[in-house]
């Protein structure tokens, strides 16, 4: 006959302590993921990038008259002729980006 050995059970305090530690770890991980996702959403600039590509296409195929300017989702977009190039500038909250589109013939 098999003799059953008694296994010492964990006390209530040990169980509560382990549960609290696990909850704290998951809470820190959850807050970290939340911060990462919020930063990613705030830095998402795909809408302005798509609009810039569209304006670049229209400018290259001479579908818009230059100089051109517009306000798109808080960005000030300007397209100007400068010497032999077309310069596209877009600005938002002190952040200014430039892009040279093409060489005019």
PDB file of N, CA and C in Angstrom:
ATOM      1  N   UNK A   1       0.842  -1.160   0.000  1.00  0.00           N
ATOM      2  CA  UNK A   1       0.000   0.000   0.000  1.00  0.00           C
ATOM      3  C   UNK A   1       0.901   1.241   0.000  1.00  0.00           C
ATOM      4  N   UNK A   2       0.479   2.209  -0.771  1.00  0.00           N
ATOM      5  CA  UNK A   2       1.263   3.423  -0.903  1.00  0.00           C
ATOM      6  C   UNK A   2       0.996   4.327   0.295  1.00  0.00           C
ATOM      7  N   UNK A   3       2.079   4.812   0.839  1.00  0.00           N
ATOM      8  CA  UNK A   3       1.950   5.712   1.974  1.00  0.00           C
ATOM      9  C   UNK A   3       1.928   7.141   1.430  1.00  0.00           C
ATOM     10  N   UNK A   4       0.865   7.859   1.699  1.00  0.00           N
ATOM     11  CA  UNK A   4       0.729   9.225   1.237  1.00  0.00           C
ATOM     12  C   UNK A   4       1.502  10.157   2.156  1.00  0.00           C
ATOM     13  N   UNK A   5       2.329  10.979   1.522  1.00  0.00           N
ATOM     14  CA  UNK A   5       3.066  11.946   2.314  1.00  0.00           C
ATOM     15  C   UNK A   5       2.266  13.239   2.376  1.00  0.00           C
ATOM     16  N   UNK A   6       2.334  13.857   3.496  1.00  0.00           N
ATOM     17  CA  UNK A   6       1.645  15.130   3.642  1.00  0.00           C
ATOM     18  C   UNK A   6       2.517  16.233   3.030  1.00  0.00           C
ATOM     19  N   UNK A   7       1.901  17.054   2.197  1.00  0.00           N
ATOM     20  CA  UNK A   7       2.591  18.196   1.621  1.00  0.00           C
ATOM     21  C   UNK A   7       2.192  19.415   2.434  1.00  0.00           C
ATOM     22  N   UNK A   8       3.199  20.146   2.834  1.00  0.00           N
ATOM     23  CA  UNK A   8       2.934  21.316   3.663  1.00  0.00           C
ATOM     24  C   UNK A   8       2.229  22.369   2.819  1.00  0.00           C
ATOM     25  N   UNK A   9       1.083  22.794   3.213  1.00  0.00           N
ATOM     26  CA  UNK A   9       0.289  23.768   2.467  1.00  0.00           C
ATOM     27  C   UNK A   9       0.809  25.182   2.721  1.00  0.00           C
ATOM     28  N   UNK A  10       0.629  26.024   1.709  1.00  0.00           N
ATOM     29  CA  UNK A  10       1.034  27.414   1.857  1.00  0.00           C
ATOM     30  C   UNK A  10       0.052  28.121   2.781  1.00  0.00           C
ATOM     31  N   UNK A  11       0.558  29.029   3.541  1.00  0.00           N
ATOM     32  CA  UNK A  11      -0.314  29.758   4.448  1.00  0.00           C
ATOM     33  C   UNK A  11      -1.045  30.843   3.676  1.00  0.00           C
ATOM     34  N   UNK A  12      -2.043  31.391   4.295  1.00  0.00           N
ATOM     35  CA  UNK A  12      -2.849  32.434   3.677  1.00  0.00           C
ATOM     36  C   UNK A  12      -2.004  33.684   3.398  1.00  0.00           C
ATOM     37  N   UNK A  13      -1.106  34.030   4.289  1.00  0.00           N
ATOM     38  CA  UNK A  13      -0.254  35.207   4.107  1.00  0.00           C
ATOM     39  C   UNK A  13       0.668  35.019   2.902  1.00  0.00           C
ATOM     40  N   UNK A  14       1.244  33.835   2.726  1.00  0.00           N
ATOM     41  CA  UNK A  14       2.111  33.574   1.574  1.00  0.00           C
ATOM     42  C   UNK A  14       1.328  33.688   0.264  1.00  0.00           C
ATOM     43  N   UNK A  15       0.121  33.182   0.252  1.00  0.00           N
ATOM     44  CA  UNK A  15      -0.723  33.242  -0.937  1.00  0.00           C
ATOM     45  C   UNK A  15      -1.085  34.684  -1.276  1.00  0.00           C
ATOM     46  N   UNK A  16      -1.461  35.459  -0.280  1.00  0.00           N
ATOM     47  CA  UNK A  16      -1.805  36.858  -0.522  1.00  0.00           C
ATOM     48  C   UNK A  16      -0.589  37.661  -1.002  1.00  0.00           C
ATOM     49  N   UNK A  17       0.566  37.399  -0.420  1.00  0.00           N
ATOM     50  CA  UNK A  17       1.780  38.097  -0.829  1.00  0.00           C
ATOM     51  C   UNK A  17       2.117  37.780  -2.280  1.00  0.00           C
ATOM     52  N   UNK A  18       2.046  36.533  -2.667  1.00  0.00           N
ATOM     53  CA  UNK A  18       2.322  36.151  -4.056  1.00  0.00           C
ATOM     54  C   UNK A  18       1.308  36.789  -5.009  1.00  0.00           C
ATOM     55  N   UNK A  19       0.057  36.819  -4.611  1.00  0.00           N
ATOM     56  CA  UNK A  19      -0.984  37.435  -5.454  1.00  0.00           C
ATOM     57  C   UNK A  19      -0.733  38.922  -5.642  1.00  0.00           C
ATOM     58  N   UNK A  20      -0.374  39.617  -4.577  1.00  0.00           N
ATOM     59  CA  UNK A  20      -0.100  41.050  -4.669  1.00  0.00           C
ATOM     60  C   UNK A  20       1.104  41.308  -5.574  1.00  0.00           C
ATOM     61  N   UNK A  21       2.149  40.514  -5.464  1.00  0.00           N
ATOM     62  CA  UNK A  21       3.325  40.680  -6.319  1.00  0.00           C
ATOM     63  C   UNK A  21       2.972  40.467  -7.793  1.00  0.00           C
ATOM     64  N   UNK A  22       2.178  39.467  -8.068  1.00  0.00           N
ATOM     65  CA  UNK A  22       1.756  39.203  -9.450  1.00  0.00           C
ATOM     66  C   UNK A  22       0.917  40.358  -9.979  1.00  0.00           C
ATOM     67  N   UNK A  23       0.021  40.880  -9.167  1.00  0.00           N
ATOM     68  CA  UNK A  23      -0.815  42.008  -9.585  1.00  0.00           C
ATOM     69  C   UNK A  23       0.044  43.236  -9.864  1.00  0.00           C
ATOM     70  N   UNK A  24       1.042  43.499  -9.041  1.00  0.00           N
ATOM     71  CA  UNK A  24       1.917  44.646  -9.239  1.00  0.00           C
ATOM     72  C   UNK A  24       2.695  44.517 -10.547  1.00  0.00           C
ATOM     73  N   UNK A  25       3.214  43.338 -10.835  1.00  0.00           N
ATOM     74  CA  UNK A  25       3.960  43.116 -12.076  1.00  0.00           C
ATOM     75  C   UNK A  25       3.060  43.338 -13.287  1.00  0.00           C
ATOM     76  N   UNK A  26       1.852  42.792 -13.259  1.00  0.00           N
ATOM     77  CA  UNK A  26       0.935  42.982 -14.386  1.00  0.00           C
ATOM     78  C   UNK A  26       0.496  44.436 -14.522  1.00  0.00           C
ATOM     79  N   UNK A  27       0.340  45.140 -13.424  1.00  0.00           N
ATOM     80  CA  UNK A  27      -0.046  46.538 -13.477  1.00  0.00           C
ATOM     81  C   UNK A  27       1.066  47.385 -14.109  1.00  0.00           C
ATOM     82  N   UNK A  28       2.306  47.144 -13.740  1.00  0.00           N
ATOM     83  CA  UNK A  28       3.430  47.875 -14.331  1.00  0.00           C
ATOM     84  C   UNK A  28       3.536  47.574 -15.824  1.00  0.00           C
ATOM     85  N   UNK A  29       3.371  46.313 -16.200  1.00  0.00           N
ATOM     86  CA  UNK A  29       3.422  45.941 -17.622  1.00  0.00           C
ATOM     87  C   UNK A  29       2.290  46.607 -18.399  1.00  0.00           C
ATOM     88  N   UNK A  30       1.108  46.634 -17.818  1.00  0.00           N
ATOM     89  CA  UNK A  30      -0.037  47.258 -18.479  1.00  0.00           C
ATOM     90  C   UNK A  30       0.181  48.751 -18.683  1.00  0.00           C
ATOM     91  N   UNK A  31       0.695  49.439 -17.694  1.00  0.00           N
ATOM     92  CA  UNK A  31       0.963  50.869 -17.824  1.00  0.00           C
ATOM     93  C   UNK A  31       2.047  51.142 -18.862  1.00  0.00           C
ATOM     94  N   UNK A  32       3.047  50.283 -18.918  1.00  0.00           N
ATOM     95  CA  UNK A  32       4.110  50.448 -19.911  1.00  0.00           C
ATOM     96  C   UNK A  32       3.569  50.283 -21.325  1.00  0.00           C
ATOM     97  N   UNK A  33       2.776  49.258 -21.548  1.00  0.00           N
ATOM     98  CA  UNK A  33       2.190  49.043 -22.877  1.00  0.00           C
ATOM     99  C   UNK A  33       1.260  50.194 -23.251  1.00  0.00           C
ATOM    100  N   UNK A  34       0.495  50.682 -22.294  1.00  0.00           N
ATOM    101  CA  UNK A  34      -0.404  51.806 -22.551  1.00  0.00           C
ATOM    102  C   UNK A  34       0.391  53.038 -22.980  1.00  0.00           C
ATOM    103  N   UNK A  35       1.493  53.307 -22.321  1.00  0.00           N
ATOM    104  CA  UNK A  35       2.344  54.447 -22.663  1.00  0.00           C
ATOM    105  C   UNK A  35       2.927  54.289 -24.067  1.00  0.00           C
ATOM    106  N   UNK A  36       3.382  53.100 -24.396  1.00  0.00           N
ATOM    107  CA  UNK A  36       3.955  52.838 -25.725  1.00  0.00           C
ATOM    108  C   UNK A  36       2.913  53.037 -26.818  1.00  0.00           C
ATOM    109  N   UNK A  37       1.717  52.502 -26.622  1.00  0.00           N
ATOM    110  CA  UNK A  37       0.676  52.629 -27.641  1.00  0.00           C
ATOM    111  C   UNK A  37       0.209  54.073 -27.794  1.00  0.00           C
ATOM    112  N   UNK A  38       0.089  54.813 -26.686  1.00  0.00           N
ATOM    113  CA  UNK A  38      -0.304  56.222 -26.789  1.00  0.00           C
ATOM    114  C   UNK A  38       0.735  57.034 -27.536  1.00  0.00           C
ATOM    115  N   UNK A  39       2.010  56.778 -27.278  1.00  0.00           N
ATOM    116  CA  UNK A  39       3.076  57.482 -27.988  1.00  0.00           C
ATOM    117  C   UNK A  39       3.030  57.167 -29.473  1.00  0.00           C
ATOM    118  N   UNK A  40       2.783  55.915 -29.810  1.00  0.00           N
ATOM    119  CA  UNK A  40       2.707  55.513 -31.215  1.00  0.00           C
ATOM    120  C   UNK A  40       1.542  56.215 -31.922  1.00  0.00           C
ATOM    121  N   UNK A  41       0.407  56.298 -31.261  1.00  0.00           N
ATOM    122  CA  UNK A  41      -0.762  56.935 -31.864  1.00  0.00           C
ATOM    123  C   UNK A  41      -0.521  58.429 -32.042  1.00  0.00           C
ATOM    124  N   UNK A  42       0.105  59.072 -31.072  1.00  0.00           N
ATOM    125  CA  UNK A  42       0.371  60.508 -31.168  1.00  0.00           C
ATOM    126  C   UNK A  42       1.376  60.823 -32.259  1.00  0.00           C
ATOM    127  N   UNK A  43       2.341  59.946 -32.495  1.00  0.00           N
ATOM    128  CA  UNK A  43       3.380  60.196 -33.494  1.00  0.00           C
ATOM    129  C   UNK A  43       2.991  59.714 -34.885  1.00  0.00           C
ATOM    130  N   UNK A  44       1.814  59.151 -35.029  1.00  0.00           N
ATOM    131  CA  UNK A  44       1.377  58.648 -36.325  1.00  0.00           C
ATOM    132  C   UNK A  44       1.181  59.817 -37.290  1.00  0.00           C
ATOM    133  N   UNK A  45       1.964  59.855 -38.338  1.00  0.00           N
ATOM    134  CA  UNK A  45       1.898  60.937 -39.317  1.00  0.00           C
ATOM    135  C   UNK A  45       1.548  60.414 -40.702  1.00  0.00           C
ATOM    136  N   UNK A  46       0.859  59.309 -40.766  1.00  0.00           N
ATOM    137  CA  UNK A  46       0.572  58.723 -42.074  1.00  0.00           C
ATOM    138  C   UNK A  46      -0.359  59.600 -42.900  1.00  0.00           C
ATOM    139  N   UNK A  47      -1.279  60.320 -42.265  1.00  0.00           N
ATOM    140  CA  UNK A  47      -2.199  61.175 -43.020  1.00  0.00           C
ATOM    141  C   UNK A  47      -1.443  62.302 -43.724  1.00  0.00           C
ATOM    142  N   UNK A  48      -0.544  62.976 -43.011  1.00  0.00           N
ATOM    143  CA  UNK A  48       0.214  64.071 -43.638  1.00  0.00           C
ATOM    144  C   UNK A  48       1.178  63.529 -44.687  1.00  0.00           C
ATOM    145  N   UNK A  49       1.765  62.361 -44.441  1.00  0.00           N
ATOM    146  CA  UNK A  49       2.667  61.762 -45.430  1.00  0.00           C
ATOM    147  C   UNK A  49       1.924  61.419 -46.713  1.00  0.00           C
ATOM    148  N   UNK A  50       0.704  60.895 -46.583  1.00  0.00           N
ATOM    149  CA  UNK A  50      -0.094  60.586 -47.773  1.00  0.00           C
ATOM    150  C   UNK A  50      -0.471  61.857 -48.533  1.00  0.00           C
ATOM    151  N   UNK A  51      -0.820  62.909 -47.791  1.00  0.00           N
ATOM    152  CA  UNK A  51      -1.174  64.170 -48.453  1.00  0.00           C
ATOM    153  C   UNK A  51       0.038  64.771 -49.164  1.00  0.00           C
ATOM    154  N   UNK A  52       1.216  64.672 -48.553  1.00  0.00           N
ATOM    155  CA  UNK A  52       2.440  65.184 -49.179  1.00  0.00           C
ATOM    156  C   UNK A  52       2.732  64.422 -50.469  1.00  0.00           C
ATOM    157  N   UNK A  53       2.572  63.107 -50.443  1.00  0.00           N
ATOM    158  CA  UNK A  53       2.788  62.310 -51.657  1.00  0.00           C
ATOM    159  C   UNK A  53       1.793  62.689 -52.755  1.00  0.00           C
ATOM    160  N   UNK A  54       0.549  62.933 -52.355  1.00  0.00           N
ATOM    161  CA  UNK A  54      -0.465  63.334 -53.328  1.00  0.00           C
ATOM    162  C   UNK A  54      -0.118  64.690 -53.944  1.00  0.00           C
ATOM    163  N   UNK A  55       0.293  65.649 -53.111  1.00  0.00           N
ATOM    164  CA  UNK A  55       0.671  66.964 -53.631  1.00  0.00           C
ATOM    165  C   UNK A  55       1.926  66.886 -54.491  1.00  0.00           C
ATOM    166  N   UNK A  56       2.837  66.027 -54.124  1.00  0.00           N
ATOM    167  CA  UNK A  56       4.046  65.832 -54.930  1.00  0.00           C
ATOM    168  C   UNK A  56       3.677  65.317 -56.321  1.00  0.00           C
ATOM    169  N   UNK A  57       2.779  64.343 -56.367  1.00  0.00           N
ATOM    170  CA  UNK A  57       2.323  63.803 -57.648  1.00  0.00           C
ATOM    171  C   UNK A  57       1.645  64.887 -58.486  1.00  0.00           C
ATOM    172  N   UNK A  58       0.746  65.652 -57.848  1.00  0.00           N
ATOM    173  CA  UNK A  58       0.033  66.705 -58.573  1.00  0.00           C
ATOM    174  C   UNK A  58       1.000  67.776 -59.081  1.00  0.00           C
ATOM    175  N   UNK A  59       2.000  68.083 -58.293  1.00  0.00           N
ATOM    176  CA  UNK A  59       2.977  69.087 -58.700  1.00  0.00           C
ATOM    177  C   UNK A  59       3.840  68.586 -59.853  1.00  0.00           C
ATOM    178  N   UNK A  60       4.292  67.345 -59.764  1.00  0.00           N
ATOM    179  CA  UNK A  60       5.136  66.792 -60.824  1.00  0.00           C
ATOM    180  C   UNK A  60       4.401  66.716 -62.163  1.00  0.00           C
ATOM    181  N   UNK A  61       3.083  66.483 -62.101  1.00  0.00           N
ATOM    182  CA  UNK A  61       2.302  66.376 -63.327  1.00  0.00           C
ATOM    183  C   UNK A  61       1.560  67.670 -63.654  1.00  0.00           C
ATOM    184  N   UNK A  62       1.957  68.747 -62.968  1.00  0.00           N
ATOM    185  CA  UNK A  62       1.448  70.092 -63.224  1.00  0.00           C
ATOM    186  C   UNK A  62      -0.074  70.167 -63.174  1.00  0.00           C
ATOM    187  N   UNK A  63      -0.652  69.551 -62.175  1.00  0.00           N
ATOM    188  CA  UNK A  63      -2.104  69.583 -61.976  1.00  0.00           C
ATOM    189  C   UNK A  63      -2.521  70.673 -60.996  1.00  0.00           C
ATOM    190  N   UNK A  64      -1.555  71.278 -60.298  1.00  0.00           N
ATOM    191  CA  UNK A  64      -1.855  72.409 -59.414  1.00  0.00           C
ATOM    192  C   UNK A  64      -0.970  73.584 -59.809  1.00  0.00           C
ATOM    193  N   UNK A  65      -1.474  74.781 -59.564  1.00  0.00           N
ATOM    194  CA  UNK A  65      -0.720  75.987 -59.897  1.00  0.00           C
ATOM    195  C   UNK A  65       0.190  76.332 -58.732  1.00  0.00           C
ATOM    196  N   UNK A  66       1.414  76.707 -59.075  1.00  0.00           N
ATOM    197  CA  UNK A  66       2.381  77.098 -58.059  1.00  0.00           C
ATOM    198  C   UNK A  66       2.507  78.608 -58.043  1.00  0.00           C
ATOM    199  N   UNK A  67       2.727  79.246 -56.945  1.00  0.00           N
ATOM    200  CA  UNK A  67       2.871  78.716 -55.587  1.00  0.00           C
ATOM    201  C   UNK A  67       1.532  78.233 -55.038  1.00  0.00           C
ATOM    202  N   UNK A  68       1.602  77.236 -54.207  1.00  0.00           N
ATOM    203  CA  UNK A  68       0.421  76.587 -53.655  1.00  0.00           C
ATOM    204  C   UNK A  68       0.566  76.537 -52.140  1.00  0.00           C
ATOM    205  N   UNK A  69      -0.528  76.755 -51.418  1.00  0.00           N
ATOM    206  CA  UNK A  69      -0.501  76.608 -49.958  1.00  0.00           C
ATOM    207  C   UNK A  69      -1.857  76.110 -49.476  1.00  0.00           C
ATOM    208  N   UNK A  70      -1.819  75.367 -48.387  1.00  0.00           N
ATOM    209  CA  UNK A  70      -3.047  74.863 -47.774  1.00  0.00           C
ATOM    210  C   UNK A  70      -2.782  74.528 -46.313  1.00  0.00           C
ATOM    211  N   UNK A  71      -3.869  74.351 -45.573  1.00  0.00           N
ATOM    212  CA  UNK A  71      -3.802  73.926 -44.183  1.00  0.00           C
ATOM    213  C   UNK A  71      -4.421  72.538 -44.116  1.00  0.00           C
ATOM    214  N   UNK A  72      -3.649  71.549 -43.692  1.00  0.00           N
ATOM    215  CA  UNK A  72      -4.117  70.169 -43.634  1.00  0.00           C
ATOM    216  C   UNK A  72      -3.880  69.627 -42.233  1.00  0.00           C
ATOM    217  N   UNK A  73      -4.943  69.438 -41.483  1.00  0.00           N
ATOM    218  CA  UNK A  73      -4.885  68.848 -40.137  1.00  0.00           C
ATOM    219  C   UNK A  73      -3.855  69.541 -39.244  1.00  0.00           C
ATOM    220  N   UNK A  74      -3.834  70.864 -39.291  1.00  0.00           N
ATOM    221  CA  UNK A  74      -2.907  71.615 -38.451  1.00  0.00           C
ATOM    222  C   UNK A  74      -1.539  71.837 -39.062  1.00  0.00           C
ATOM    223  N   UNK A  75      -1.267  71.260 -40.214  1.00  0.00           N
ATOM    224  CA  UNK A  75       0.005  71.444 -40.916  1.00  0.00           C
ATOM    225  C   UNK A  75      -0.178  72.528 -41.969  1.00  0.00           C
ATOM    226  N   UNK A  76       0.742  73.472 -42.028  1.00  0.00           N
ATOM    227  CA  UNK A  76       0.759  74.482 -43.089  1.00  0.00           C
ATOM    228  C   UNK A  76       1.660  73.965 -44.205  1.00  0.00           C
ATOM    229  N   UNK A  77       1.067  73.733 -45.367  1.00  0.00           N
ATOM    230  CA  UNK A  77       1.800  73.162 -46.500  1.00  0.00           C
ATOM    231  C   UNK A  77       1.973  74.240 -47.560  1.00  0.00           C
ATOM    232  N   UNK A  78       3.196  74.402 -48.031  1.00  0.00           N
ATOM    233  CA  UNK A  78       3.488  75.369 -49.088  1.00  0.00           C
ATOM    234  C   UNK A  78       4.361  74.706 -50.152  1.00  0.00           C
ATOM    235  N   UNK A  79       4.026  74.974 -51.409  1.00  0.00           N
ATOM    236  CA  UNK A  79       4.849  74.515 -52.525  1.00  0.00           C
ATOM    237  C   UNK A  79       5.229  75.753 -53.322  1.00  0.00           C
ATOM    238  N   UNK A  80       6.533  75.961 -53.503  1.00  0.00           N
ATOM    239  CA  UNK A  80       7.011  77.143 -54.207  1.00  0.00           C
ATOM    240  C   UNK A  80       8.072  76.760 -55.222  1.00  0.00           C
ATOM    241  N   UNK A  81       8.205  77.609 -56.232  1.00  0.00           N
ATOM    242  CA  UNK A  81       9.296  77.476 -57.196  1.00  0.00           C
ATOM    243  C   UNK A  81      10.467  78.299 -56.693  1.00  0.00           C
ATOM    244  N   UNK A  82      11.620  77.681 -56.580  1.00  0.00           N
ATOM    245  CA  UNK A  82      12.824  78.399 -56.184  1.00  0.00           C
ATOM    246  C   UNK A  82      13.927  78.044 -57.163  1.00  0.00           C
ATOM    247  N   UNK A  83      14.339  79.042 -57.925  1.00  0.00           N
ATOM    248  CA  UNK A  83      15.356  78.875 -58.963  1.00  0.00           C
ATOM    249  C   UNK A  83      14.961  77.737 -59.879  1.00  0.00           C
ATOM    250  N   UNK A  84      15.679  76.610 -59.841  1.00  0.00           N
ATOM    251  CA  UNK A  84      15.376  75.506 -60.764  1.00  0.00           C
ATOM    252  C   UNK A  84      14.722  74.326 -60.064  1.00  0.00           C
ATOM    253  N   UNK A  85      14.262  74.497 -58.826  1.00  0.00           N
ATOM    254  CA  UNK A  85      13.651  73.384 -58.095  1.00  0.00           C
ATOM    255  C   UNK A  85      12.291  73.790 -57.551  1.00  0.00           C
ATOM    256  N   UNK A  86      11.519  72.802 -57.222  1.00  0.00           N
ATOM    257  CA  UNK A  86      10.248  73.013 -56.547  1.00  0.00           C
ATOM    258  C   UNK A  86      10.421  72.553 -55.109  1.00  0.00           C
ATOM    259  N   UNK A  87      10.138  73.444 -54.169  1.00  0.00           N
ATOM    260  CA  UNK A  87      10.355  73.159 -52.760  1.00  0.00           C
ATOM    261  C   UNK A  87       9.018  73.012 -52.061  1.00  0.00           C
ATOM    262  N   UNK A  88       8.843  71.902 -51.355  1.00  0.00           N
ATOM    263  CA  UNK A  88       7.633  71.646 -50.581  1.00  0.00           C
ATOM    264  C   UNK A  88       8.003  71.796 -49.109  1.00  0.00           C
ATOM    265  N   UNK A  89       7.280  72.635 -48.386  1.00  0.00           N
ATOM    266  CA  UNK A  89       7.536  72.875 -46.972  1.00  0.00           C
ATOM    267  C   UNK A  89       6.260  72.615 -46.193  1.00  0.00           C
ATOM    268  N   UNK A  90       6.372  71.886 -45.084  1.00  0.00           N
ATOM    269  CA  UNK A  90       5.216  71.726 -44.214  1.00  0.00           C
ATOM    270  C   UNK A  90       5.636  71.934 -42.764  1.00  0.00           C
ATOM    271  N   UNK A  91       4.779  72.690 -42.047  1.00  0.00           N
ATOM    272  CA  UNK A  91       5.111  73.178 -40.714  1.00  0.00           C
ATOM    273  C   UNK A  91       3.961  72.880 -39.756  1.00  0.00           C
ATOM    274  N   UNK A  92       4.320  72.443 -38.542  1.00  0.00           N
ATOM    275  CA  UNK A  92       3.330  72.278 -37.473  1.00  0.00           C
ATOM    276  C   UNK A  92       4.022  72.473 -36.142  1.00  0.00           C
ATOM    277  N   UNK A  93       3.533  73.419 -35.372  1.00  0.00           N
ATOM    278  CA  UNK A  93       4.012  73.662 -34.011  1.00  0.00           C
ATOM    279  C   UNK A  93       5.533  73.763 -33.937  1.00  0.00           C
ATOM    280  N   UNK A  94       6.106  74.553 -34.804  1.00  0.00           N
ATOM    281  CA  UNK A  94       7.546  74.767 -34.785  1.00  0.00           C
ATOM    282  C   UNK A  94       8.353  73.690 -35.486  1.00  0.00           C
ATOM    283  N   UNK A  95       7.726  72.621 -35.908  1.00  0.00           N
ATOM    284  CA  UNK A  95       8.416  71.553 -36.624  1.00  0.00           C
ATOM    285  C   UNK A  95       8.289  71.841 -38.116  1.00  0.00           C
ATOM    286  N   UNK A  96       9.422  72.107 -38.757  1.00  0.00           N
ATOM    287  CA  UNK A  96       9.427  72.488 -40.169  1.00  0.00           C
ATOM    288  C   UNK A  96      10.195  71.454 -40.981  1.00  0.00           C
ATOM    289  N   UNK A  97       9.551  70.933 -42.009  1.00  0.00           N
ATOM    290  CA  UNK A  97      10.162  69.921 -42.874  1.00  0.00           C
ATOM    291  C   UNK A  97      10.162  70.430 -44.312  1.00  0.00           C
ATOM    292  N   UNK A  98      11.249  70.151 -45.022  1.00  0.00           N
ATOM    293  CA  UNK A  98      11.391  70.579 -46.415  1.00  0.00           C
ATOM    294  C   UNK A  98      11.598  69.350 -47.294  1.00  0.00           C
ATOM    295  N   UNK A  99      11.100  69.457 -48.511  1.00  0.00           N
ATOM    296  CA  UNK A  99      11.298  68.374 -49.480  1.00  0.00           C
ATOM    297  C   UNK A  99      11.446  69.001 -50.857  1.00  0.00           C
ATOM    298  N   UNK A 100      12.500  68.644 -51.563  1.00  0.00           N
ATOM    299  CA  UNK A 100      12.704  69.109 -52.933  1.00  0.00           C
ATOM    300  C   UNK A 100      12.028  68.123 -53.863  1.00  0.00           C
ATOM    301  N   UNK A 101      11.135  68.650 -54.699  1.00  0.00           N
ATOM    302  CA  UNK A 101      10.321  67.765 -55.523  1.00  0.00           C
ATOM    303  C   UNK A 101      10.960  67.418 -56.862  1.00  0.00           C
ATOM    304  N   UNK A 102      11.328  68.404 -57.635  1.00  0.00           N
ATOM    305  CA  UNK A 102      11.871  68.115 -58.964  1.00  0.00           C
ATOM    306  C   UNK A 102      12.684  69.285 -59.473  1.00  0.00           C
ATOM    307  N   UNK A 103      13.377  69.063 -60.557  1.00  0.00           N
ATOM    308  CA  UNK A 103      14.124  70.128 -61.229  1.00  0.00           C
ATOM    309  C   UNK A 103      13.280  70.592 -62.400  1.00  0.00           C
ATOM    310  N   UNK A 104      12.946  71.874 -62.410  1.00  0.00           N
ATOM    311  CA  UNK A 104      12.134  72.427 -63.503  1.00  0.00           C
ATOM    312  C   UNK A 104      12.972  72.623 -64.743  1.00  0.00           C
ATOM    313  N   UNK A 105      12.407  72.280 -65.886  1.00  0.00           N
ATOM    314  CA  UNK A 105      13.121  72.481 -67.151  1.00  0.00           C
ATOM    315  C   UNK A 105      12.761  73.808 -67.776  1.00  0.00           C
TER     316      UNK A 105
END
